[in-house]
Every structure is written in structure tokens, then in C-alpha cells.
Amino acid sequence: AAISWSGGSTYYADSVKGRFTISRDNAKNTV
């Protein structure tokens, strides 16, 4: 999975789509 700068765009491998969620908190420098 991957996530854009703002967190507004994400992309997932077909094998995990619907099961995994990627997110980020830029204030915490954490994904």
C-alpha cells in the first residue's frame, strides 16, 4: 500500500484491497 503527501490518495495491492488501510499523521510523522 502507499499514501500521498496529504493522505488524500491511497493505492493498494489487489491482494490486500478491502482488508488493509494505510493512513498517515503528518503532525506525528507517522504512517
Full PDB file with SEQRES, HELIX, SHEET, SSBOND, CRYST1, ORIGX, SCALE, CONECT and MASTER records, all heavy atoms in Angstrom:
SEQRES   1 A   31  ALA ALA ILE SER TRP SER GLY GLY SER THR TYR TYR ALA          
SEQRES   2 A   31  ASP SER VAL LYS GLY ARG PHE THR ILE SER ARG ASP ASN          
SEQRES   3 A   31  ALA LYS ASN THR VAL                                          
HELIX    1 AA1 ASN A   26  LYS A   28  5                                   3    
SHEET    1 AA1 2 ALA A   2  ILE A   3  0                                        
SHEET    2 AA1 2 THR A  10  TYR A  11 -1                                        
CRYST1    1.000    1.000    1.000  90.00  90.00  90.00 P 1           1          
ORIGX1      1.000000  0.000000  0.000000        0.00000                         
ORIGX2      0.000000  1.000000  0.000000        0.00000                         
ORIGX3      0.000000  0.000000  1.000000        0.00000                         
SCALE1      1.000000  0.000000  0.000000        0.00000                         
SCALE2      0.000000  1.000000  0.000000        0.00000                         
SCALE3      0.000000  0.000000  1.000000        0.00000                         
ATOM      1  N   ALA A   1       0.838  -1.191   0.000  1.00  0.00           N  
ATOM      2  CA  ALA A   1       0.000   0.000   0.000  1.00  0.00           C  
ATOM      3  C   ALA A   1       0.871   1.237   0.000  1.00  0.00           C  
ATOM      4  O   ALA A   1       2.027   1.203   0.428  1.00  0.00           O  
ATOM      5  CB  ALA A   1      -0.935   0.016   1.218  1.00  0.00           C  
ATOM      6  N   ALA A   2       0.312   2.349  -0.463  1.00  0.00           N  
ATOM      7  CA  ALA A   2       1.019   3.625  -0.445  1.00  0.00           C  
ATOM      8  C   ALA A   2       0.023   4.755  -0.243  1.00  0.00           C  
ATOM      9  O   ALA A   2      -1.168   4.612  -0.528  1.00  0.00           O  
ATOM     10  CB  ALA A   2       1.811   3.835  -1.739  1.00  0.00           C  
ATOM     11  N   ILE A   3       0.532   5.890   0.221  1.00  0.00           N  
ATOM     12  CA  ILE A   3      -0.308   7.039   0.516  1.00  0.00           C  
ATOM     13  C   ILE A   3       0.416   8.311   0.117  1.00  0.00           C  
ATOM     14  O   ILE A   3       1.630   8.430   0.275  1.00  0.00           O  
ATOM     15  CB  ILE A   3      -0.708   7.041   2.012  1.00  0.00           C  
ATOM     16  CG1 ILE A   3      -1.749   8.120   2.304  1.00  0.00           C  
ATOM     17  CG2 ILE A   3       0.525   7.202   2.901  1.00  0.00           C  
ATOM     18  CD1 ILE A   3      -2.408   7.951   3.676  1.00  0.00           C  
ATOM     19  N   SER A   4      -0.342   9.271  -0.395  1.00  0.00           N  
ATOM     20  CA  SER A   4       0.214  10.516  -0.888  1.00  0.00           C  
ATOM     21  C   SER A   4       0.577  11.465   0.247  1.00  0.00           C  
ATOM     22  O   SER A   4       0.334  11.199   1.423  1.00  0.00           O  
ATOM     23  CB  SER A   4      -0.782  11.191  -1.827  1.00  0.00           C  
ATOM     24  OG  SER A   4      -1.964  11.547  -1.132  1.00  0.00           O  
ATOM     25  N   TRP A   5       1.150  12.610  -0.119  1.00  0.00           N  
ATOM     26  CA  TRP A   5       1.558  13.634   0.847  1.00  0.00           C  
ATOM     27  C   TRP A   5       0.448  13.976   1.832  1.00  0.00           C  
ATOM     28  O   TRP A   5       0.659  13.981   3.051  1.00  0.00           O  
ATOM     29  CB  TRP A   5       1.932  14.928   0.121  1.00  0.00           C  
ATOM     30  CG  TRP A   5       3.192  14.905  -0.665  1.00  0.00           C  
ATOM     31  CD1 TRP A   5       4.049  13.864  -0.854  1.00  0.00           C  
ATOM     32  CD2 TRP A   5       3.736  16.011  -1.376  1.00  0.00           C  
ATOM     33  NE1 TRP A   5       5.094  14.251  -1.643  1.00  0.00           N  
ATOM     34  CE2 TRP A   5       4.925  15.571  -1.975  1.00  0.00           C  
ATOM     35  CE3 TRP A   5       3.325  17.336  -1.562  1.00  0.00           C  
ATOM     36  CZ2 TRP A   5       5.717  16.411  -2.755  1.00  0.00           C  
ATOM     37  CZ3 TRP A   5       4.113  18.173  -2.340  1.00  0.00           C  
ATOM     38  CH2 TRP A   5       5.294  17.708  -2.926  1.00  0.00           C  
ATOM     39  N   SER A   6      -0.708  14.295   1.294  1.00  0.00           N  
ATOM     40  CA  SER A   6      -1.804  14.793   2.118  1.00  0.00           C  
ATOM     41  C   SER A   6      -2.620  13.684   2.752  1.00  0.00           C  
ATOM     42  O   SER A   6      -3.425  13.952   3.645  1.00  0.00           O  
ATOM     43  CB  SER A   6      -2.727  15.665   1.274  1.00  0.00           C  
ATOM     44  OG  SER A   6      -3.378  14.893   0.282  1.00  0.00           O  
ATOM     45  N   GLY A   7      -2.434  12.473   2.288  1.00  0.00           N  
ATOM     46  CA  GLY A   7      -3.275  11.382   2.730  1.00  0.00           C  
ATOM     47  C   GLY A   7      -4.555  11.255   1.934  1.00  0.00           C  
ATOM     48  O   GLY A   7      -5.361  10.358   2.206  1.00  0.00           O  
ATOM     49  N   GLY A   8      -4.734  12.121   0.948  1.00  0.00           N  
ATOM     50  CA  GLY A   8      -5.945  12.111   0.169  1.00  0.00           C  
ATOM     51  C   GLY A   8      -6.007  11.034  -0.892  1.00  0.00           C  
ATOM     52  O   GLY A   8      -7.093  10.740  -1.401  1.00  0.00           O  
ATOM     53  N   SER A   9      -4.868  10.472  -1.232  1.00  0.00           N  
ATOM     54  CA  SER A   9      -4.811   9.424  -2.240  1.00  0.00           C  
ATOM     55  C   SER A   9      -4.114   8.205  -1.671  1.00  0.00           C  
ATOM     56  O   SER A   9      -3.066   8.328  -1.038  1.00  0.00           O  
ATOM     57  CB  SER A   9      -4.070   9.907  -3.487  1.00  0.00           C  
ATOM     58  OG  SER A   9      -4.756  10.971  -4.114  1.00  0.00           O  
ATOM     59  N   THR A  10      -4.697   7.054  -1.904  1.00  0.00           N  
ATOM     60  CA  THR A  10      -4.100   5.791  -1.483  1.00  0.00           C  
ATOM     61  C   THR A  10      -4.164   4.793  -2.617  1.00  0.00           C  
ATOM     62  O   THR A  10      -4.973   4.920  -3.538  1.00  0.00           O  
ATOM     63  CB  THR A  10      -4.809   5.210  -0.252  1.00  0.00           C  
ATOM     64  OG1 THR A  10      -6.198   5.021  -0.549  1.00  0.00           O  
ATOM     65  CG2 THR A  10      -4.678   6.147   0.945  1.00  0.00           C  
ATOM     66  N   TYR A  11      -3.318   3.796  -2.528  1.00  0.00           N  
ATOM     67  CA  TYR A  11      -3.294   2.747  -3.531  1.00  0.00           C  
ATOM     68  C   TYR A  11      -2.914   1.446  -2.853  1.00  0.00           C  
ATOM     69  O   TYR A  11      -2.018   1.419  -2.011  1.00  0.00           O  
ATOM     70  CB  TYR A  11      -2.300   3.083  -4.644  1.00  0.00           C  
ATOM     71  CG  TYR A  11      -2.365   2.144  -5.821  1.00  0.00           C  
ATOM     72  CD1 TYR A  11      -3.390   2.241  -6.757  1.00  0.00           C  
ATOM     73  CD2 TYR A  11      -1.403   1.152  -6.002  1.00  0.00           C  
ATOM     74  CE1 TYR A  11      -3.456   1.382  -7.830  1.00  0.00           C  
ATOM     75  CE2 TYR A  11      -1.464   0.290  -7.078  1.00  0.00           C  
ATOM     76  CZ  TYR A  11      -2.496   0.413  -7.992  1.00  0.00           C  
ATOM     77  OH  TYR A  11      -2.556  -0.438  -9.067  1.00  0.00           O  
ATOM     78  N   TYR A  12      -3.593   0.356  -3.237  1.00  0.00           N  
ATOM     79  CA  TYR A  12      -3.400  -0.926  -2.595  1.00  0.00           C  
ATOM     80  C   TYR A  12      -3.146  -2.026  -3.604  1.00  0.00           C  
ATOM     81  O   TYR A  12      -3.686  -2.007  -4.717  1.00  0.00           O  
ATOM     82  CB  TYR A  12      -4.636  -1.312  -1.775  1.00  0.00           C  
ATOM     83  CG  TYR A  12      -4.963  -0.358  -0.658  1.00  0.00           C  
ATOM     84  CD1 TYR A  12      -5.823   0.711  -0.862  1.00  0.00           C  
ATOM     85  CD2 TYR A  12      -4.410  -0.534   0.612  1.00  0.00           C  
ATOM     86  CE1 TYR A  12      -6.124   1.587   0.168  1.00  0.00           C  
ATOM     87  CE2 TYR A  12      -4.710   0.336   1.642  1.00  0.00           C  
ATOM     88  CZ  TYR A  12      -5.563   1.392   1.416  1.00  0.00           C  
ATOM     89  OH  TYR A  12      -5.862   2.259   2.442  1.00  0.00           O  
ATOM     90  N   ALA A  13      -2.344  -2.989  -3.195  1.00  0.00           N  
ATOM     91  CA  ALA A  13      -2.224  -4.204  -3.975  1.00  0.00           C  
ATOM     92  C   ALA A  13      -3.555  -4.942  -3.970  1.00  0.00           C  
ATOM     93  O   ALA A  13      -4.307  -4.893  -2.991  1.00  0.00           O  
ATOM     94  CB  ALA A  13      -1.122  -5.100  -3.404  1.00  0.00           C  
ATOM     95  N   ASP A  14      -3.840  -5.626  -5.061  1.00  0.00           N  
ATOM     96  CA  ASP A  14      -5.098  -6.359  -5.147  1.00  0.00           C  
ATOM     97  C   ASP A  14      -5.248  -7.378  -4.018  1.00  0.00           C  
ATOM     98  O   ASP A  14      -6.362  -7.643  -3.555  1.00  0.00           O  
ATOM     99  CB  ASP A  14      -5.203  -7.069  -6.494  1.00  0.00           C  
ATOM    100  CG  ASP A  14      -5.428  -6.114  -7.649  1.00  0.00           C  
ATOM    101  OD1 ASP A  14      -5.854  -4.965  -7.405  1.00  0.00           O  
ATOM    102  OD2 ASP A  14      -5.190  -6.521  -8.802  1.00  0.00           O  
ATOM    103  N   SER A  15      -4.142  -7.931  -3.572  1.00  0.00           N  
ATOM    104  CA  SER A  15      -4.184  -8.971  -2.562  1.00  0.00           C  
ATOM    105  C   SER A  15      -4.650  -8.471  -1.195  1.00  0.00           C  
ATOM    106  O   SER A  15      -5.070  -9.276  -0.362  1.00  0.00           O  
ATOM    107  CB  SER A  15      -2.810  -9.628  -2.423  1.00  0.00           C  
ATOM    108  OG  SER A  15      -1.825  -8.671  -2.065  1.00  0.00           O  
ATOM    109  N   VAL A  16      -4.573  -7.159  -0.963  1.00  0.00           N  
ATOM    110  CA  VAL A  16      -4.947  -6.617   0.339  1.00  0.00           C  
ATOM    111  C   VAL A  16      -6.095  -5.621   0.265  1.00  0.00           C  
ATOM    112  O   VAL A  16      -6.607  -5.203   1.312  1.00  0.00           O  
ATOM    113  CB  VAL A  16      -3.744  -5.960   1.043  1.00  0.00           C  
ATOM    114  CG1 VAL A  16      -2.575  -6.929   1.125  1.00  0.00           C  
ATOM    115  CG2 VAL A  16      -3.327  -4.675   0.329  1.00  0.00           C  
ATOM    116  N   LYS A  17      -6.499  -5.249  -0.917  1.00  0.00           N  
ATOM    117  CA  LYS A  17      -7.553  -4.256  -1.081  1.00  0.00           C  
ATOM    118  C   LYS A  17      -8.831  -4.714  -0.388  1.00  0.00           C  
ATOM    119  O   LYS A  17      -9.276  -5.847  -0.562  1.00  0.00           O  
ATOM    120  CB  LYS A  17      -7.820  -4.000  -2.564  1.00  0.00           C  
ATOM    121  CG  LYS A  17      -8.748  -2.831  -2.832  1.00  0.00           C  
ATOM    122  CD  LYS A  17      -8.869  -2.558  -4.316  1.00  0.00           C  
ATOM    123  CE  LYS A  17      -9.776  -1.373  -4.606  1.00  0.00           C  
ATOM    124  NZ  LYS A  17      -9.220  -0.117  -4.036  1.00  0.00           N  
ATOM    125  N   GLY A  18      -9.407  -3.822   0.398  1.00  0.00           N  
ATOM    126  CA  GLY A  18     -10.598  -4.135   1.155  1.00  0.00           C  
ATOM    127  C   GLY A  18     -10.318  -4.672   2.542  1.00  0.00           C  
ATOM    128  O   GLY A  18     -11.231  -4.709   3.372  1.00  0.00           O  
ATOM    129  N   ARG A  19      -9.098  -5.091   2.796  1.00  0.00           N  
ATOM    130  CA  ARG A  19      -8.720  -5.618   4.103  1.00  0.00           C  
ATOM    131  C   ARG A  19      -7.766  -4.699   4.863  1.00  0.00           C  
ATOM    132  O   ARG A  19      -7.836  -4.607   6.085  1.00  0.00           O  
ATOM    133  CB  ARG A  19      -8.067  -6.993   3.964  1.00  0.00           C  
ATOM    134  CG  ARG A  19      -8.955  -8.045   3.327  1.00  0.00           C  
ATOM    135  CD  ARG A  19      -8.319  -9.429   3.394  1.00  0.00           C  
ATOM    136  NE  ARG A  19      -7.067  -9.491   2.641  1.00  0.00           N  
ATOM    137  CZ  ARG A  19      -5.895  -9.845   3.168  1.00  0.00           C  
ATOM    138  NH1 ARG A  19      -5.808 -10.154   4.449  1.00  0.00           N  
ATOM    139  NH2 ARG A  19      -4.810  -9.903   2.407  1.00  0.00           N  
ATOM    140  N   PHE A  20      -6.873  -4.034   4.133  1.00  0.00           N  
ATOM    141  CA  PHE A  20      -5.866  -3.175   4.749  1.00  0.00           C  
ATOM    142  C   PHE A  20      -6.201  -1.714   4.490  1.00  0.00           C  
ATOM    143  O   PHE A  20      -6.780  -1.362   3.456  1.00  0.00           O  
ATOM    144  CB  PHE A  20      -4.481  -3.463   4.181  1.00  0.00           C  
ATOM    145  CG  PHE A  20      -3.903  -4.808   4.534  1.00  0.00           C  
ATOM    146  CD1 PHE A  20      -4.647  -5.766   5.193  1.00  0.00           C  
ATOM    147  CD2 PHE A  20      -2.595  -5.092   4.191  1.00  0.00           C  
ATOM    148  CE1 PHE A  20      -4.107  -7.000   5.510  1.00  0.00           C  
ATOM    149  CE2 PHE A  20      -2.039  -6.322   4.509  1.00  0.00           C  
ATOM    150  CZ  PHE A  20      -2.786  -7.283   5.164  1.00  0.00           C  
ATOM    151  N   THR A  21      -5.798  -0.863   5.416  1.00  0.00           N  
ATOM    152  CA  THR A  21      -5.973   0.575   5.268  1.00  0.00           C  
ATOM    153  C   THR A  21      -4.684   1.283   5.657  1.00  0.00           C  
ATOM    154  O   THR A  21      -4.185   1.095   6.767  1.00  0.00           O  
ATOM    155  CB  THR A  21      -7.129   1.097   6.133  1.00  0.00           C  
ATOM    156  OG1 THR A  21      -8.342   0.432   5.789  1.00  0.00           O  
ATOM    157  CG2 THR A  21      -7.314   2.603   5.911  1.00  0.00           C  
ATOM    158  N   ILE A  22      -4.167   2.095   4.752  1.00  0.00           N  
ATOM    159  CA  ILE A  22      -2.994   2.902   5.047  1.00  0.00           C  
ATOM    160  C   ILE A  22      -3.447   4.317   5.390  1.00  0.00           C  
ATOM    161  O   ILE A  22      -4.385   4.846   4.792  1.00  0.00           O  
ATOM    162  CB  ILE A  22      -1.999   2.908   3.869  1.00  0.00           C  
ATOM    163  CG1 ILE A  22      -0.689   3.589   4.271  1.00  0.00           C  
ATOM    164  CG2 ILE A  22      -2.602   3.546   2.628  1.00  0.00           C  
ATOM    165  CD1 ILE A  22       0.418   3.432   3.232  1.00  0.00           C  
ATOM    166  N   SER A  23      -2.794   4.921   6.364  1.00  0.00           N  
ATOM    167  CA  SER A  23      -3.102   6.286   6.757  1.00  0.00           C  
ATOM    168  C   SER A  23      -1.834   6.954   7.250  1.00  0.00           C  
ATOM    169  O   SER A  23      -0.827   6.291   7.498  1.00  0.00           O  
ATOM    170  CB  SER A  23      -4.197   6.323   7.831  1.00  0.00           C  
ATOM    171  OG  SER A  23      -3.776   5.647   8.999  1.00  0.00           O  
ATOM    172  N   ARG A  24      -1.883   8.267   7.383  1.00  0.00           N  
ATOM    173  CA  ARG A  24      -0.720   8.984   7.886  1.00  0.00           C  
ATOM    174  C   ARG A  24      -1.152  10.155   8.743  1.00  0.00           C  
ATOM    175  O   ARG A  24      -2.218  10.742   8.548  1.00  0.00           O  
ATOM    176  CB  ARG A  24       0.184   9.457   6.740  1.00  0.00           C  
ATOM    177  CG  ARG A  24      -0.406  10.542   5.860  1.00  0.00           C  
ATOM    178  CD  ARG A  24       0.447  10.753   4.601  1.00  0.00           C  
ATOM    179  NE  ARG A  24       1.792  11.202   4.915  1.00  0.00           N  
ATOM    180  CZ  ARG A  24       2.816  11.165   4.062  1.00  0.00           C  
ATOM    181  NH1 ARG A  24       2.635  10.675   2.835  1.00  0.00           N  
ATOM    182  NH2 ARG A  24       4.006  11.607   4.436  1.00  0.00           N  
ATOM    183  N   ASP A  25      -0.305  10.486   9.687  1.00  0.00           N  
ATOM    184  CA  ASP A  25      -0.499  11.636  10.549  1.00  0.00           C  
ATOM    185  C   ASP A  25       0.772  12.460  10.437  1.00  0.00           C  
ATOM    186  O   ASP A  25       1.776  12.164  11.086  1.00  0.00           O  
ATOM    187  CB  ASP A  25      -0.766  11.205  11.986  1.00  0.00           C  
ATOM    188  CG  ASP A  25      -1.114  12.370  12.887  1.00  0.00           C  
ATOM    189  OD1 ASP A  25      -0.784  13.522  12.556  1.00  0.00           O  
ATOM    190  OD2 ASP A  25      -1.723  12.129  13.948  1.00  0.00           O  
ATOM    191  N   ASN A  26       0.739  13.474   9.600  1.00  0.00           N  
ATOM    192  CA  ASN A  26       1.944  14.249   9.343  1.00  0.00           C  
ATOM    193  C   ASN A  26       2.412  15.026  10.568  1.00  0.00           C  
ATOM    194  O   ASN A  26       3.609  15.279  10.725  1.00  0.00           O  
ATOM    195  CB  ASN A  26       1.713  15.198   8.170  1.00  0.00           C  
ATOM    196  CG  ASN A  26       1.617  14.470   6.850  1.00  0.00           C  
ATOM    197  OD1 ASN A  26       2.054  13.328   6.721  1.00  0.00           O  
ATOM    198  ND2 ASN A  26       1.047  15.128   5.847  1.00  0.00           N  
ATOM    199  N   ALA A  27       1.484  15.406  11.423  1.00  0.00           N  
ATOM    200  CA  ALA A  27       1.864  16.100  12.649  1.00  0.00           C  
ATOM    201  C   ALA A  27       2.700  15.209  13.552  1.00  0.00           C  
ATOM    202  O   ALA A  27       3.525  15.704  14.323  1.00  0.00           O  
ATOM    203  CB  ALA A  27       0.628  16.596  13.382  1.00  0.00           C  
ATOM    204  N   LYS A  28       2.477  13.909  13.471  1.00  0.00           N  
ATOM    205  CA  LYS A  28       3.227  12.949  14.270  1.00  0.00           C  
ATOM    206  C   LYS A  28       4.332  12.260  13.491  1.00  0.00           C  
ATOM    207  O   LYS A  28       5.025  11.393  14.030  1.00  0.00           O  
ATOM    208  CB  LYS A  28       2.287  11.893  14.853  1.00  0.00           C  
ATOM    209  CG  LYS A  28       1.259  12.436  15.824  1.00  0.00           C  
ATOM    210  CD  LYS A  28       0.391  11.317  16.373  1.00  0.00           C  
ATOM    211  CE  LYS A  28      -0.608  11.837  17.386  1.00  0.00           C  
ATOM    212  NZ  LYS A  28      -1.461  10.753  17.930  1.00  0.00           N  
ATOM    213  N   ASN A  29       4.493  12.615  12.225  1.00  0.00           N  
ATOM    214  CA  ASN A  29       5.486  11.975  11.361  1.00  0.00           C  
ATOM    215  C   ASN A  29       5.341  10.458  11.373  1.00  0.00           C  
ATOM    216  O   ASN A  29       6.328   9.721  11.475  1.00  0.00           O  
ATOM    217  CB  ASN A  29       6.905  12.364  11.779  1.00  0.00           C  
ATOM    218  CG  ASN A  29       7.251  13.792  11.420  1.00  0.00           C  
ATOM    219  OD1 ASN A  29       6.503  14.488  10.735  1.00  0.00           O  
ATOM    220  ND2 ASN A  29       8.411  14.244  11.885  1.00  0.00           N  
ATOM    221  N   THR A  30       4.116  10.000  11.261  1.00  0.00           N  
ATOM    222  CA  THR A  30       3.835   8.587  11.405  1.00  0.00           C  
ATOM    223  C   THR A  30       2.887   8.110  10.313  1.00  0.00           C  
ATOM    224  O   THR A  30       1.930   8.803   9.968  1.00  0.00           O  
ATOM    225  CB  THR A  30       3.223   8.276  12.776  1.00  0.00           C  
ATOM    226  OG1 THR A  30       4.125   8.707  13.803  1.00  0.00           O  
ATOM    227  CG2 THR A  30       2.975   6.787  12.947  1.00  0.00           C  
ATOM    228  N   VAL A  31       3.157   6.929   9.793  1.00  0.00           N  
ATOM    229  CA  VAL A  31       2.271   6.272   8.851  1.00  0.00           C  
ATOM    230  C   VAL A  31       1.829   4.950   9.463  1.00  0.00           C  
ATOM    231  O   VAL A  31       2.592   4.311  10.191  1.00  0.00           O  
ATOM    232  CB  VAL A  31       2.953   6.068   7.479  1.00  0.00           C  
ATOM    233  CG1 VAL A  31       4.165   5.161   7.594  1.00  0.00           C  
ATOM    234  CG2 VAL A  31       1.960   5.526   6.464  1.00  0.00           C  
TER     235      VAL A  31                                                      
MASTER        0    0    0    1    2    0    0    6  234    1    0    3          
END                                                                             
